[in-house]
Amino acid sequence: MRILITCLLALFHFIDIPYCQEYFEMSHEGQTREYYLSYPEDVTGPCPLIINMHGFGGTANNQSISTEMDDYALPLGVAVVYPQGLGYSWNVGTWWDNNPFDDIGFIGAMIDDISNGHEIDLDRVYATGMSNGGYMTYELACELSHKIAAFGSVTGNFMLNDGQMCNNQRETPIIHFHGTSDLVVDYYPPSFDGALTVSESMDHWRNVNHLYDLEIDTLFGEENELSAERFVYSRNSTNVKFVHYKIIYGGHSWFGSPYVNPSVVNASELLVEFFLQYSLDELACLESDGDFNLDGNITMADYFMILGVIIQENDELSEQFCMDMDQDGDVDVVDLIMSLDLIF
């Protein structure tokens, strides 16, 4: 439900852009959830959407102001949504977030809610966040990659909890910004909360995506001093990458924000640039594990799902859920048998 439309002139932004930011409420699992949507003017047809999540103790409004992402997204015809976490946090499975709510389900439902009222390209939805919001971005990469095409974390690590199963059926592009002098979420091991460190996150996701080629660039600031290093994991057969910006002496902040120390790295600009390379329907399927309905288990429900696709010759659904288990270009009886073998 839309409550209010606030049309603003971006007086405090570097780029003078008129835009309308809409405030919405929706119900999810008995809770009232809120988000603010900045939608570009004069767009024709569905536009991409970036989800931008605040840090622990933060607000959606503050995230909008401090990241200035609207300045970089709206001129390119990209919408930005700033969701509000209950209790000013996101449930990422840590001891410190104090959050029992289903935030993954909320974000998925929010995407649907936005697309019901606005023209959104559902193949070009992206997620990013700061600190706790960066942790949440990784949670979405693990559990909502069938709805979100690419992910970006700023000063947030990946909390891969015991028994947690990522359901990545497609390649998963990720970009991560982190400062070496971050006193809140340490850059170097050991992590204070059991989360994967930056290097461990890189190892995890490059293995998921089979990215083993590494290129390292250096970025220099004033007086030719080393300001950042850029690590790019890739492979020749895909444009999917894991990109990491290691900001030398960088603290716990959104890099490039005018409210923190200047940085040669502008996270908002680089995030928009990175995201727009990717579309969900163009990401290659990874080797399928047989869990087509994404419930965390391989059961007869998955078998009947692939059986129905074969009978109906529904190529669109088979591609959406990566049902070509033998990766021969067709979903057929061989894939059906492979699915059954996984069950028994």
C-alpha atoms as a PDB file:
ATOM      1  CA  MET A   1       0.000   0.000   0.000  1.00  0.00           C
ATOM      2  CA  ARG A   2       1.424   3.386  -0.969  1.00  0.00           C
ATOM      3  CA  ILE A   3       1.134   5.888   1.871  1.00  0.00           C
ATOM      4  CA  LEU A   4       2.897   8.989   0.622  1.00  0.00           C
ATOM      5  CA  ILE A   5       4.649  10.373  -2.425  1.00  0.00           C
ATOM      6  CA  THR A   6       7.424  12.826  -1.675  1.00  0.00           C
ATOM      7  CA  CYS A   7       8.805  14.557  -4.751  1.00  0.00           C
ATOM      8  CA  LEU A   8      12.218  15.964  -4.031  1.00  0.00           C
ATOM      9  CA  LEU A   9      14.728  18.135  -5.787  1.00  0.00           C
ATOM     10  CA  ALA A  10      18.114  16.588  -5.078  1.00  0.00           C
ATOM     11  CA  LEU A  11      19.573  19.745  -3.556  1.00  0.00           C
ATOM     12  CA  PHE A  12      22.109  17.913  -1.449  1.00  0.00           C
ATOM     13  CA  HIS A  13      23.292  15.656  -4.274  1.00  0.00           C
ATOM     14  CA  PHE A  14      26.161  16.230  -6.657  1.00  0.00           C
ATOM     15  CA  ILE A  15      23.797  15.840  -9.624  1.00  0.00           C
ATOM     16  CA  ASP A  16      20.695  18.024  -9.697  1.00  0.00           C
ATOM     17  CA  ILE A  17      17.987  15.480 -10.531  1.00  0.00           C
ATOM     18  CA  PRO A  18      14.283  15.800  -9.764  1.00  0.00           C
ATOM     19  CA  TYR A  19      12.833  12.516  -8.585  1.00  0.00           C
ATOM     20  CA  CYS A  20       9.959  11.098  -6.614  1.00  0.00           C
ATOM     21  CA  GLN A  21      10.571   8.813  -3.657  1.00  0.00           C
ATOM     22  CA  GLU A  22       7.540   6.798  -2.621  1.00  0.00           C
ATOM     23  CA  TYR A  23       6.930   5.306   0.810  1.00  0.00           C
ATOM     24  CA  PHE A  24       5.172   1.936   0.982  1.00  0.00           C
ATOM     25  CA  GLU A  25       3.869  -0.393   3.655  1.00  0.00           C
ATOM     26  CA  MET A  26       3.162  -4.073   3.102  1.00  0.00           C
ATOM     27  CA  SER A  27       2.253  -6.997   5.315  1.00  0.00           C
ATOM     28  CA  HIS A  28       4.583  -9.975   5.584  1.00  0.00           C
ATOM     29  CA  GLU A  29       4.052 -12.828   8.056  1.00  0.00           C
ATOM     30  CA  GLY A  30       1.884 -10.664  10.308  1.00  0.00           C
ATOM     31  CA  GLN A  31       4.346  -7.772  10.404  1.00  0.00           C
ATOM     32  CA  THR A  32       4.049  -4.376   8.745  1.00  0.00           C
ATOM     33  CA  ARG A  33       7.108  -3.891   6.547  1.00  0.00           C
ATOM     34  CA  GLU A  34       8.256  -0.618   4.999  1.00  0.00           C
ATOM     35  CA  TYR A  35      10.304   0.493   2.028  1.00  0.00           C
ATOM     36  CA  TYR A  36      11.099   3.648   0.065  1.00  0.00           C
ATOM     37  CA  LEU A  37      11.196   3.492  -3.717  1.00  0.00           C
ATOM     38  CA  SER A  38      12.981   5.942  -6.028  1.00  0.00           C
ATOM     39  CA  TYR A  39      11.630   5.390  -9.538  1.00  0.00           C
ATOM     40  CA  PRO A  40      13.135   7.131 -12.596  1.00  0.00           C
ATOM     41  CA  GLU A  41      11.028   9.578 -14.530  1.00  0.00           C
ATOM     42  CA  ASP A  42      10.238   9.328 -18.226  1.00  0.00           C
ATOM     43  CA  VAL A  43      11.177   5.647 -18.509  1.00  0.00           C
ATOM     44  CA  THR A  44       9.593   3.592 -21.251  1.00  0.00           C
ATOM     45  CA  GLY A  45       9.176  -0.078 -20.459  1.00  0.00           C
ATOM     46  CA  PRO A  46      10.353  -2.116 -17.471  1.00  0.00           C
ATOM     47  CA  CYS A  47      13.402  -0.767 -15.639  1.00  0.00           C
ATOM     48  CA  PRO A  48      16.073  -2.497 -13.517  1.00  0.00           C
ATOM     49  CA  LEU A  49      15.799  -2.371  -9.717  1.00  0.00           C
ATOM     50  CA  ILE A  50      18.543  -2.087  -7.086  1.00  0.00           C
ATOM     51  CA  ILE A  51      17.780  -3.089  -3.487  1.00  0.00           C
ATOM     52  CA  ASN A  52      19.946  -1.002  -1.110  1.00  0.00           C
ATOM     53  CA  MET A  53      19.913  -2.110   2.555  1.00  0.00           C
ATOM     54  CA  HIS A  54      20.990  -0.133   5.613  1.00  0.00           C
ATOM     55  CA  GLY A  55      23.415  -1.231   8.305  1.00  0.00           C
ATOM     56  CA  PHE A  56      22.748  -2.330  11.903  1.00  0.00           C
ATOM     57  CA  GLY A  57      20.884   0.411  13.761  1.00  0.00           C
ATOM     58  CA  GLY A  58      20.353   2.332  10.527  1.00  0.00           C
ATOM     59  CA  THR A  59      17.316   3.387   8.566  1.00  0.00           C
ATOM     60  CA  ALA A  60      16.198   3.254   4.967  1.00  0.00           C
ATOM     61  CA  ASN A  61      16.164   7.067   4.820  1.00  0.00           C
ATOM     62  CA  ASN A  62      19.735   7.361   6.062  1.00  0.00           C
ATOM     63  CA  GLN A  63      20.860   4.730   3.572  1.00  0.00           C
ATOM     64  CA  SER A  64      19.295   6.715   0.750  1.00  0.00           C
ATOM     65  CA  ILE A  65      20.995   9.947   1.842  1.00  0.00           C
ATOM     66  CA  SER A  66      24.442   8.585   2.712  1.00  0.00           C
ATOM     67  CA  THR A  67      24.928   6.376  -0.361  1.00  0.00           C
ATOM     68  CA  GLU A  68      23.519   8.852  -2.913  1.00  0.00           C
ATOM     69  CA  MET A  69      22.793   5.881  -5.131  1.00  0.00           C
ATOM     70  CA  ASP A  70      19.833   7.647  -6.741  1.00  0.00           C
ATOM     71  CA  ASP A  71      22.294  10.074  -8.355  1.00  0.00           C
ATOM     72  CA  TYR A  72      23.960   7.230 -10.238  1.00  0.00           C
ATOM     73  CA  ALA A  73      20.999   4.924 -10.863  1.00  0.00           C
ATOM     74  CA  LEU A  74      18.083   7.174 -11.813  1.00  0.00           C
ATOM     75  CA  PRO A  75      19.801   8.917 -14.761  1.00  0.00           C
ATOM     76  CA  LEU A  76      20.390   5.457 -16.251  1.00  0.00           C
ATOM     77  CA  GLY A  77      16.729   4.504 -15.877  1.00  0.00           C
ATOM     78  CA  VAL A  78      17.327   2.287 -12.831  1.00  0.00           C
ATOM     79  CA  ALA A  79      14.985   2.262  -9.816  1.00  0.00           C
ATOM     80  CA  VAL A  80      16.337   1.988  -6.269  1.00  0.00           C
ATOM     81  CA  VAL A  81      14.458   0.622  -3.258  1.00  0.00           C
ATOM     82  CA  TYR A  82      15.518   1.181   0.354  1.00  0.00           C
ATOM     83  CA  PRO A  83      13.828  -1.386   2.641  1.00  0.00           C
ATOM     84  CA  GLN A  84      13.588  -0.936   6.407  1.00  0.00           C
ATOM     85  CA  GLY A  85      14.691  -3.765   8.676  1.00  0.00           C
ATOM     86  CA  LEU A  86      12.572  -4.516  11.746  1.00  0.00           C
ATOM     87  CA  GLY A  87      14.428  -3.482  14.883  1.00  0.00           C
ATOM     88  CA  TYR A  88      16.797  -1.553  12.592  1.00  0.00           C
ATOM     89  CA  SER A  89      18.601  -4.761  11.619  1.00  0.00           C
ATOM     90  CA  TRP A  90      18.570  -7.723   9.244  1.00  0.00           C
ATOM     91  CA  ASN A  91      18.357 -11.377  10.233  1.00  0.00           C
ATOM     92  CA  VAL A  92      21.621 -12.873   8.994  1.00  0.00           C
ATOM     93  CA  GLY A  93      22.022 -15.604  11.611  1.00  0.00           C
ATOM     94  CA  THR A  94      24.519 -13.792  13.847  1.00  0.00           C
ATOM     95  CA  TRP A  95      24.448 -13.494  17.632  1.00  0.00           C
ATOM     96  CA  TRP A  96      24.372  -9.702  17.404  1.00  0.00           C
ATOM     97  CA  ASP A  97      21.541  -8.910  14.960  1.00  0.00           C
ATOM     98  CA  ASN A  98      18.779  -9.731  17.522  1.00  0.00           C
ATOM     99  CA  ASN A  99      16.416 -10.350  14.635  1.00  0.00           C
ATOM    100  CA  PRO A 100      14.040 -13.366  14.415  1.00  0.00           C
ATOM    101  CA  PHE A 101      12.156 -12.170  11.321  1.00  0.00           C
ATOM    102  CA  ASP A 102      12.056 -13.731   7.845  1.00  0.00           C
ATOM    103  CA  ASP A 103      13.938 -11.018   5.993  1.00  0.00           C
ATOM    104  CA  ILE A 104      14.739 -13.216   3.002  1.00  0.00           C
ATOM    105  CA  GLY A 105      11.028 -13.863   2.542  1.00  0.00           C
ATOM    106  CA  PHE A 106      10.303 -10.165   3.004  1.00  0.00           C
ATOM    107  CA  ILE A 107      12.776  -9.097   0.311  1.00  0.00           C
ATOM    108  CA  GLY A 108      11.332 -11.662  -2.107  1.00  0.00           C
ATOM    109  CA  ALA A 109       7.796 -10.473  -1.375  1.00  0.00           C
ATOM    110  CA  MET A 110       8.890  -6.841  -1.665  1.00  0.00           C
ATOM    111  CA  ILE A 111      10.213  -7.463  -5.194  1.00  0.00           C
ATOM    112  CA  ASP A 112       6.810  -8.884  -6.114  1.00  0.00           C
ATOM    113  CA  ASP A 113       5.010  -5.984  -4.436  1.00  0.00           C
ATOM    114  CA  ILE A 114       7.055  -3.407  -6.348  1.00  0.00           C
ATOM    115  CA  SER A 115       6.597  -5.186  -9.674  1.00  0.00           C
ATOM    116  CA  ASN A 116       2.832  -5.248  -9.128  1.00  0.00           C
ATOM    117  CA  GLY A 117       2.702  -1.465  -9.022  1.00  0.00           C
ATOM    118  CA  HIS A 118       5.626  -0.460 -11.242  1.00  0.00           C
ATOM    119  CA  GLU A 119       7.206  -1.624 -14.466  1.00  0.00           C
ATOM    120  CA  ILE A 120      10.222  -3.605 -13.239  1.00  0.00           C
ATOM    121  CA  ASP A 121      12.508  -5.827 -15.323  1.00  0.00           C
ATOM    122  CA  LEU A 122      12.484  -8.921 -13.105  1.00  0.00           C
ATOM    123  CA  ASP A 123      15.560 -10.291 -14.873  1.00  0.00           C
ATOM    124  CA  ARG A 124      17.520  -7.231 -13.741  1.00  0.00           C
ATOM    125  CA  VAL A 125      17.003  -7.005  -9.987  1.00  0.00           C
ATOM    126  CA  TYR A 126      20.141  -6.442  -7.875  1.00  0.00           C
ATOM    127  CA  ALA A 127      20.971  -6.261  -4.162  1.00  0.00           C
ATOM    128  CA  THR A 128      23.513  -4.344  -2.111  1.00  0.00           C
ATOM    129  CA  GLY A 129      23.912  -3.150   1.457  1.00  0.00           C
ATOM    130  CA  MET A 130      26.172  -1.625   4.071  1.00  0.00           C
ATOM    131  CA  SER A 131      27.577  -3.605   7.038  1.00  0.00           C
ATOM    132  CA  ASN A 132      24.597  -5.642   8.365  1.00  0.00           C
ATOM    133  CA  GLY A 133      22.989  -4.868   5.001  1.00  0.00           C
ATOM    134  CA  GLY A 134      26.097  -6.283   3.323  1.00  0.00           C
ATOM    135  CA  TYR A 135      25.723  -9.464   5.365  1.00  0.00           C
ATOM    136  CA  MET A 136      22.095  -9.539   4.208  1.00  0.00           C
ATOM    137  CA  THR A 137      23.232  -9.167   0.610  1.00  0.00           C
ATOM    138  CA  TYR A 138      25.268 -12.349   0.962  1.00  0.00           C
ATOM    139  CA  GLU A 139      22.264 -14.109   2.518  1.00  0.00           C
ATOM    140  CA  LEU A 140      20.239 -13.157  -0.553  1.00  0.00           C
ATOM    141  CA  ALA A 141      23.037 -14.397  -2.831  1.00  0.00           C
ATOM    142  CA  CYS A 142      22.807 -17.714  -1.012  1.00  0.00           C
ATOM    143  CA  GLU A 143      19.021 -18.078  -0.873  1.00  0.00           C
ATOM    144  CA  LEU A 144      17.378 -15.714  -3.373  1.00  0.00           C
ATOM    145  CA  SER A 145      19.633 -16.007  -6.422  1.00  0.00           C
ATOM    146  CA  HIS A 146      16.665 -17.231  -8.480  1.00  0.00           C
ATOM    147  CA  LYS A 147      15.142 -13.731  -8.187  1.00  0.00           C
ATOM    148  CA  ILE A 148      18.209 -11.469  -7.984  1.00  0.00           C
ATOM    149  CA  ALA A 149      20.834 -11.292 -10.738  1.00  0.00           C
ATOM    150  CA  ALA A 150      23.890  -9.772  -8.991  1.00  0.00           C
ATOM    151  CA  PHE A 151      25.018  -8.757  -5.518  1.00  0.00           C
ATOM    152  CA  GLY A 152      27.259  -6.178  -3.854  1.00  0.00           C
ATOM    153  CA  SER A 153      28.427  -5.972  -0.249  1.00  0.00           C
ATOM    154  CA  VAL A 154      29.968  -2.869   1.327  1.00  0.00           C
ATOM    155  CA  THR A 155      31.803  -3.704   4.597  1.00  0.00           C
ATOM    156  CA  GLY A 156      29.642  -6.784   5.227  1.00  0.00           C
ATOM    157  CA  ASN A 157      30.812 -10.400   5.354  1.00  0.00           C
ATOM    158  CA  PHE A 158      29.110 -13.703   4.534  1.00  0.00           C
ATOM    159  CA  MET A 159      27.592 -15.506   7.523  1.00  0.00           C
ATOM    160  CA  LEU A 160      27.437 -19.071   6.225  1.00  0.00           C
ATOM    161  CA  ASN A 161      25.657 -20.747   9.140  1.00  0.00           C
ATOM    162  CA  ASP A 162      25.959 -24.410  10.091  1.00  0.00           C
ATOM    163  CA  GLY A 163      23.714 -26.503   7.880  1.00  0.00           C
ATOM    164  CA  GLN A 164      22.840 -23.585   5.625  1.00  0.00           C
ATOM    165  CA  MET A 165      22.453 -24.690   2.008  1.00  0.00           C
ATOM    166  CA  CYS A 166      22.853 -22.143  -0.766  1.00  0.00           C
ATOM    167  CA  ASN A 167      20.487 -22.850  -3.654  1.00  0.00           C
ATOM    168  CA  ASN A 168      22.575 -21.258  -6.405  1.00  0.00           C
ATOM    169  CA  GLN A 169      21.366 -22.826  -9.631  1.00  0.00           C
ATOM    170  CA  ARG A 170      22.911 -20.115 -11.771  1.00  0.00           C
ATOM    171  CA  GLU A 171      26.184 -18.228 -11.837  1.00  0.00           C
ATOM    172  CA  THR A 172      26.250 -15.529  -9.155  1.00  0.00           C
ATOM    173  CA  PRO A 173      28.079 -12.236  -9.874  1.00  0.00           C
ATOM    174  CA  ILE A 174      29.341 -10.504  -6.712  1.00  0.00           C
ATOM    175  CA  ILE A 175      31.268  -7.328  -5.889  1.00  0.00           C
ATOM    176  CA  HIS A 176      32.616  -6.623  -2.385  1.00  0.00           C
ATOM    177  CA  PHE A 177      34.081  -3.392  -0.948  1.00  0.00           C
ATOM    178  CA  HIS A 178      36.017  -3.515   2.337  1.00  0.00           C
ATOM    179  CA  GLY A 179      38.606  -1.374   4.138  1.00  0.00           C
ATOM    180  CA  THR A 180      41.724  -2.811   5.736  1.00  0.00           C
ATOM    181  CA  SER A 181      41.245  -0.616   8.826  1.00  0.00           C
ATOM    182  CA  ASP A 182      37.613  -1.520   9.434  1.00  0.00           C
ATOM    183  CA  LEU A 183      37.234  -1.653  13.226  1.00  0.00           C
ATOM    184  CA  VAL A 184      33.662  -2.985  13.161  1.00  0.00           C
ATOM    185  CA  VAL A 185      33.789  -5.842  10.635  1.00  0.00           C
ATOM    186  CA  ASP A 186      37.439  -6.893  10.494  1.00  0.00           C
ATOM    187  CA  TYR A 187      39.081  -7.240   7.121  1.00  0.00           C
ATOM    188  CA  TYR A 188      41.575  -9.821   8.334  1.00  0.00           C
ATOM    189  CA  PRO A 189      40.839 -13.070  10.176  1.00  0.00           C
ATOM    190  CA  PRO A 190      39.611 -14.136  12.567  1.00  0.00           C
ATOM    191  CA  SER A 191      36.123 -12.689  12.186  1.00  0.00           C
ATOM    192  CA  PHE A 192      34.494 -11.552  15.430  1.00  0.00           C
ATOM    193  CA  ASP A 193      31.218 -13.398  14.804  1.00  0.00           C
ATOM    194  CA  GLY A 194      32.142 -16.569  12.910  1.00  0.00           C
ATOM    195  CA  ALA A 195      31.326 -15.096   9.503  1.00  0.00           C
ATOM    196  CA  LEU A 196      33.543 -15.846   6.548  1.00  0.00           C
ATOM    197  CA  THR A 197      36.231 -13.214   6.159  1.00  0.00           C
ATOM    198  CA  VAL A 198      36.684 -11.328   2.892  1.00  0.00           C
ATOM    199  CA  SER A 199      39.255 -13.808   1.582  1.00  0.00           C
ATOM    200  CA  GLU A 200      37.108 -16.769   2.667  1.00  0.00           C
ATOM    201  CA  SER A 201      34.066 -15.261   0.965  1.00  0.00           C
ATOM    202  CA  MET A 202      36.069 -14.845  -2.222  1.00  0.00           C
ATOM    203  CA  ASP A 203      37.171 -18.475  -2.039  1.00  0.00           C
ATOM    204  CA  HIS A 204      33.609 -19.675  -1.468  1.00  0.00           C
ATOM    205  CA  TRP A 205      32.004 -17.776  -4.324  1.00  0.00           C
ATOM    206  CA  ARG A 206      34.762 -18.230  -6.876  1.00  0.00           C
ATOM    207  CA  ASN A 207      34.414 -21.966  -6.265  1.00  0.00           C
ATOM    208  CA  VAL A 208      30.624 -21.767  -6.683  1.00  0.00           C
ATOM    209  CA  ASN A 209      31.129 -19.964  -9.994  1.00  0.00           C
ATOM    210  CA  HIS A 210      34.269 -21.874 -11.063  1.00  0.00           C
ATOM    211  CA  LEU A 211      36.254 -18.634 -11.354  1.00  0.00           C
ATOM    212  CA  TYR A 212      39.968 -19.378 -11.151  1.00  0.00           C
ATOM    213  CA  ASP A 213      41.605 -16.636 -13.238  1.00  0.00           C
ATOM    214  CA  LEU A 214      42.793 -13.725 -11.074  1.00  0.00           C
ATOM    215  CA  GLU A 215      43.743 -10.202 -12.117  1.00  0.00           C
ATOM    216  CA  ILE A 216      44.937  -7.624  -9.569  1.00  0.00           C
ATOM    217  CA  ASP A 217      44.991  -3.873 -10.278  1.00  0.00           C
ATOM    218  CA  THR A 218      46.170  -1.024  -8.082  1.00  0.00           C
ATOM    219  CA  LEU A 219      44.376   2.311  -7.727  1.00  0.00           C
ATOM    220  CA  PHE A 220      46.239   5.424  -6.643  1.00  0.00           C
ATOM    221  CA  GLY A 221      44.975   8.509  -4.865  1.00  0.00           C
ATOM    222  CA  GLU A 222      46.533  11.864  -4.147  1.00  0.00           C
ATOM    223  CA  GLU A 223      50.332  12.181  -4.197  1.00  0.00           C
ATOM    224  CA  ASN A 224      50.473   8.851  -6.002  1.00  0.00           C
ATOM    225  CA  GLU A 225      49.754   6.933  -2.801  1.00  0.00           C
ATOM    226  CA  LEU A 226      48.270   3.460  -3.030  1.00  0.00           C
ATOM    227  CA  SER A 227      44.557   3.847  -2.299  1.00  0.00           C
ATOM    228  CA  ALA A 228      43.017   0.494  -3.194  1.00  0.00           C
ATOM    229  CA  GLU A 229      43.611  -2.847  -4.839  1.00  0.00           C
ATOM    230  CA  ARG A 230      41.079  -4.488  -7.130  1.00  0.00           C
ATOM    231  CA  PHE A 231      40.870  -8.289  -7.326  1.00  0.00           C
ATOM    232  CA  VAL A 232      38.908  -9.755 -10.231  1.00  0.00           C
ATOM    233  CA  TYR A 233      38.165 -13.489 -10.395  1.00  0.00           C
ATOM    234  CA  SER A 234      36.891 -14.634 -13.797  1.00  0.00           C
ATOM    235  CA  ARG A 235      37.081 -17.266 -16.516  1.00  0.00           C
ATOM    236  CA  ASN A 236      37.072 -17.051 -20.294  1.00  0.00           C
ATOM    237  CA  SER A 237      33.716 -18.728 -20.939  1.00  0.00           C
ATOM    238  CA  THR A 238      31.585 -16.240 -18.931  1.00  0.00           C
ATOM    239  CA  ASN A 239      31.363 -12.549 -18.049  1.00  0.00           C
ATOM    240  CA  VAL A 240      30.420 -13.433 -14.456  1.00  0.00           C
ATOM    241  CA  LYS A 241      32.998 -12.174 -11.978  1.00  0.00           C
ATOM    242  CA  PHE A 242      33.769 -11.872  -8.297  1.00  0.00           C
ATOM    243  CA  VAL A 243      35.265  -8.395  -7.867  1.00  0.00           C
ATOM    244  CA  HIS A 244      36.800  -7.172  -4.625  1.00  0.00           C
ATOM    245  CA  TYR A 245      37.931  -3.626  -3.832  1.00  0.00           C
ATOM    246  CA  LYS A 246      40.416  -3.659  -0.961  1.00  0.00           C
ATOM    247  CA  ILE A 247      40.523  -0.069   0.297  1.00  0.00           C
ATOM    248  CA  ILE A 248      43.858   0.606   1.979  1.00  0.00           C
ATOM    249  CA  TYR A 249      43.328   2.099   5.463  1.00  0.00           C
ATOM    250  CA  GLY A 250      39.615   2.260   4.703  1.00  0.00           C
ATOM    251  CA  GLY A 251      37.277   2.193   7.679  1.00  0.00           C
ATOM    252  CA  HIS A 252      33.700   1.088   8.237  1.00  0.00           C
ATOM    253  CA  SER A 253      31.931   3.327   5.750  1.00  0.00           C
ATOM    254  CA  TRP A 254      30.179   3.583   2.403  1.00  0.00           C
ATOM    255  CA  PHE A 255      33.153   4.468   0.223  1.00  0.00           C
ATOM    256  CA  GLY A 256      32.642   7.573  -1.888  1.00  0.00           C
ATOM    257  CA  SER A 257      29.957   9.011   0.363  1.00  0.00           C
ATOM    258  CA  PRO A 258      30.428  12.761   0.960  1.00  0.00           C
ATOM    259  CA  TYR A 259      29.784  12.142   4.657  1.00  0.00           C
ATOM    260  CA  VAL A 260      33.015  10.158   5.185  1.00  0.00           C
ATOM    261  CA  ASN A 261      36.655  10.668   4.280  1.00  0.00           C
ATOM    262  CA  PRO A 262      37.226  10.981   0.500  1.00  0.00           C
ATOM    263  CA  SER A 263      37.998   7.755  -1.321  1.00  0.00           C
ATOM    264  CA  VAL A 264      39.263   7.041  -4.801  1.00  0.00           C
ATOM    265  CA  VAL A 265      36.587   4.323  -4.815  1.00  0.00           C
ATOM    266  CA  ASN A 266      32.964   5.380  -5.261  1.00  0.00           C
ATOM    267  CA  ALA A 267      30.931   2.355  -4.211  1.00  0.00           C
ATOM    268  CA  SER A 268      27.570   3.579  -5.552  1.00  0.00           C
ATOM    269  CA  GLU A 269      28.909   4.392  -9.001  1.00  0.00           C
ATOM    270  CA  LEU A 270      30.830   1.123  -9.258  1.00  0.00           C
ATOM    271  CA  LEU A 271      27.901  -0.933  -7.981  1.00  0.00           C
ATOM    272  CA  VAL A 272      25.536   0.445 -10.627  1.00  0.00           C
ATOM    273  CA  GLU A 273      28.151  -0.125 -13.324  1.00  0.00           C
ATOM    274  CA  PHE A 274      28.769  -3.699 -12.137  1.00  0.00           C
ATOM    275  CA  PHE A 275      25.099  -4.609 -11.805  1.00  0.00           C
ATOM    276  CA  LEU A 276      24.046  -3.432 -15.252  1.00  0.00           C
ATOM    277  CA  GLN A 277      26.326  -6.007 -16.873  1.00  0.00           C
ATOM    278  CA  TYR A 278      24.032  -8.811 -15.716  1.00  0.00           C
ATOM    279  CA  SER A 279      20.572 -10.144 -16.452  1.00  0.00           C
ATOM    280  CA  LEU A 280      19.123 -13.182 -14.697  1.00  0.00           C
ATOM    281  CA  ASP A 281      17.996 -14.798 -17.945  1.00  0.00           C
ATOM    282  CA  GLU A 282      21.532 -14.571 -19.358  1.00  0.00           C
ATOM    283  CA  LEU A 283      23.331 -16.222 -16.430  1.00  0.00           C
ATOM    284  CA  ALA A 284      24.416 -19.767 -17.176  1.00  0.00           C
ATOM    285  CA  CYS A 285      23.043 -22.656 -15.143  1.00  0.00           C
ATOM    286  CA  LEU A 286      25.433 -24.363 -12.766  1.00  0.00           C
ATOM    287  CA  GLU A 287      25.360 -28.119 -12.383  1.00  0.00           C
ATOM    288  CA  SER A 288      21.926 -28.812 -10.887  1.00  0.00           C
ATOM    289  CA  ASP A 289      21.572 -30.500  -7.498  1.00  0.00           C
ATOM    290  CA  GLY A 290      17.974 -31.550  -8.245  1.00  0.00           C
ATOM    291  CA  ASP A 291      16.240 -29.210  -5.776  1.00  0.00           C
ATOM    292  CA  PHE A 292      14.052 -27.523  -8.383  1.00  0.00           C
ATOM    293  CA  ASN A 293      11.434 -26.113  -6.010  1.00  0.00           C
ATOM    294  CA  LEU A 294      14.171 -24.585  -3.806  1.00  0.00           C
ATOM    295  CA  ASP A 295      12.825 -25.968  -0.526  1.00  0.00           C
ATOM    296  CA  GLY A 296      16.199 -27.281   0.631  1.00  0.00           C
ATOM    297  CA  ASN A 297      15.319 -30.945   0.006  1.00  0.00           C
ATOM    298  CA  ILE A 298      15.387 -33.265  -2.997  1.00  0.00           C
ATOM    299  CA  THR A 299      12.092 -35.150  -2.954  1.00  0.00           C
ATOM    300  CA  MET A 300       9.399 -36.540  -5.232  1.00  0.00           C
ATOM    301  CA  ALA A 301       8.047 -32.997  -5.495  1.00  0.00           C
ATOM    302  CA  ASP A 302      11.139 -32.124  -7.531  1.00  0.00           C
ATOM    303  CA  TYR A 303      10.694 -35.269  -9.640  1.00  0.00           C
ATOM    304  CA  PHE A 304       7.089 -34.400 -10.463  1.00  0.00           C
ATOM    305  CA  MET A 305       8.116 -30.823 -11.205  1.00  0.00           C
ATOM    306  CA  ILE A 306      10.567 -31.909 -13.899  1.00  0.00           C
ATOM    307  CA  LEU A 307       8.103 -34.540 -15.156  1.00  0.00           C
ATOM    308  CA  GLY A 308       5.463 -31.846 -15.636  1.00  0.00           C
ATOM    309  CA  VAL A 309       7.912 -29.670 -17.542  1.00  0.00           C
ATOM    310  CA  ILE A 310       8.773 -32.544 -19.887  1.00  0.00           C
ATOM    311  CA  ILE A 311       5.123 -33.444 -20.520  1.00  0.00           C
ATOM    312  CA  GLN A 312       4.142 -29.814 -21.136  1.00  0.00           C
ATOM    313  CA  GLU A 313       7.342 -29.093 -23.093  1.00  0.00           C
ATOM    314  CA  ASN A 314       7.721 -25.944 -21.026  1.00  0.00           C
ATOM    315  CA  ASP A 315      11.183 -24.771 -22.071  1.00  0.00           C
ATOM    316  CA  GLU A 316      10.826 -21.462 -20.248  1.00  0.00           C
ATOM    317  CA  LEU A 317      10.187 -23.132 -16.881  1.00  0.00           C
ATOM    318  CA  SER A 318      12.936 -25.707 -17.395  1.00  0.00           C
ATOM    319  CA  GLU A 319      15.421 -22.914 -18.104  1.00  0.00           C
ATOM    320  CA  GLN A 320      14.219 -20.845 -15.144  1.00  0.00           C
ATOM    321  CA  PHE A 321      14.862 -23.688 -12.705  1.00  0.00           C
ATOM    322  CA  CYS A 322      17.944 -25.117 -14.452  1.00  0.00           C
ATOM    323  CA  MET A 323      16.480 -28.604 -15.014  1.00  0.00           C
ATOM    324  CA  ASP A 324      18.973 -29.692 -17.692  1.00  0.00           C
ATOM    325  CA  MET A 325      20.875 -31.895 -15.276  1.00  0.00           C
ATOM    326  CA  ASP A 326      23.176 -33.524 -17.826  1.00  0.00           C
ATOM    327  CA  GLN A 327      23.696 -30.141 -19.518  1.00  0.00           C
ATOM    328  CA  ASP A 328      23.130 -31.486 -23.020  1.00  0.00           C
ATOM    329  CA  GLY A 329      20.821 -28.651 -24.044  1.00  0.00           C
ATOM    330  CA  ASP A 330      17.538 -30.549 -23.530  1.00  0.00           C
ATOM    331  CA  VAL A 331      15.364 -31.490 -20.574  1.00  0.00           C
ATOM    332  CA  ASP A 332      14.319 -35.068 -21.250  1.00  0.00           C
ATOM    333  CA  VAL A 333      13.943 -38.533 -19.754  1.00  0.00           C
ATOM    334  CA  VAL A 334      17.660 -38.699 -18.951  1.00  0.00           C
ATOM    335  CA  ASP A 335      17.298 -35.697 -16.652  1.00  0.00           C
ATOM    336  CA  LEU A 336      14.171 -37.290 -15.162  1.00  0.00           C
ATOM    337  CA  ILE A 337      16.091 -40.467 -14.325  1.00  0.00           C
ATOM    338  CA  MET A 338      18.954 -38.458 -12.856  1.00  0.00           C
ATOM    339  CA  SER A 339      16.436 -36.630 -10.660  1.00  0.00           C
ATOM    340  CA  LEU A 340      14.979 -39.935  -9.450  1.00  0.00           C
ATOM    341  CA  ASP A 341      18.457 -41.297  -8.685  1.00  0.00           C
ATOM    342  CA  LEU A 342      19.099 -38.347  -6.389  1.00  0.00           C
ATOM    343  CA  ILE A 343      15.962 -39.134  -4.407  1.00  0.00           C
ATOM    344  CA  PHE A 344      16.683 -42.835  -3.944  1.00  0.00           C
END
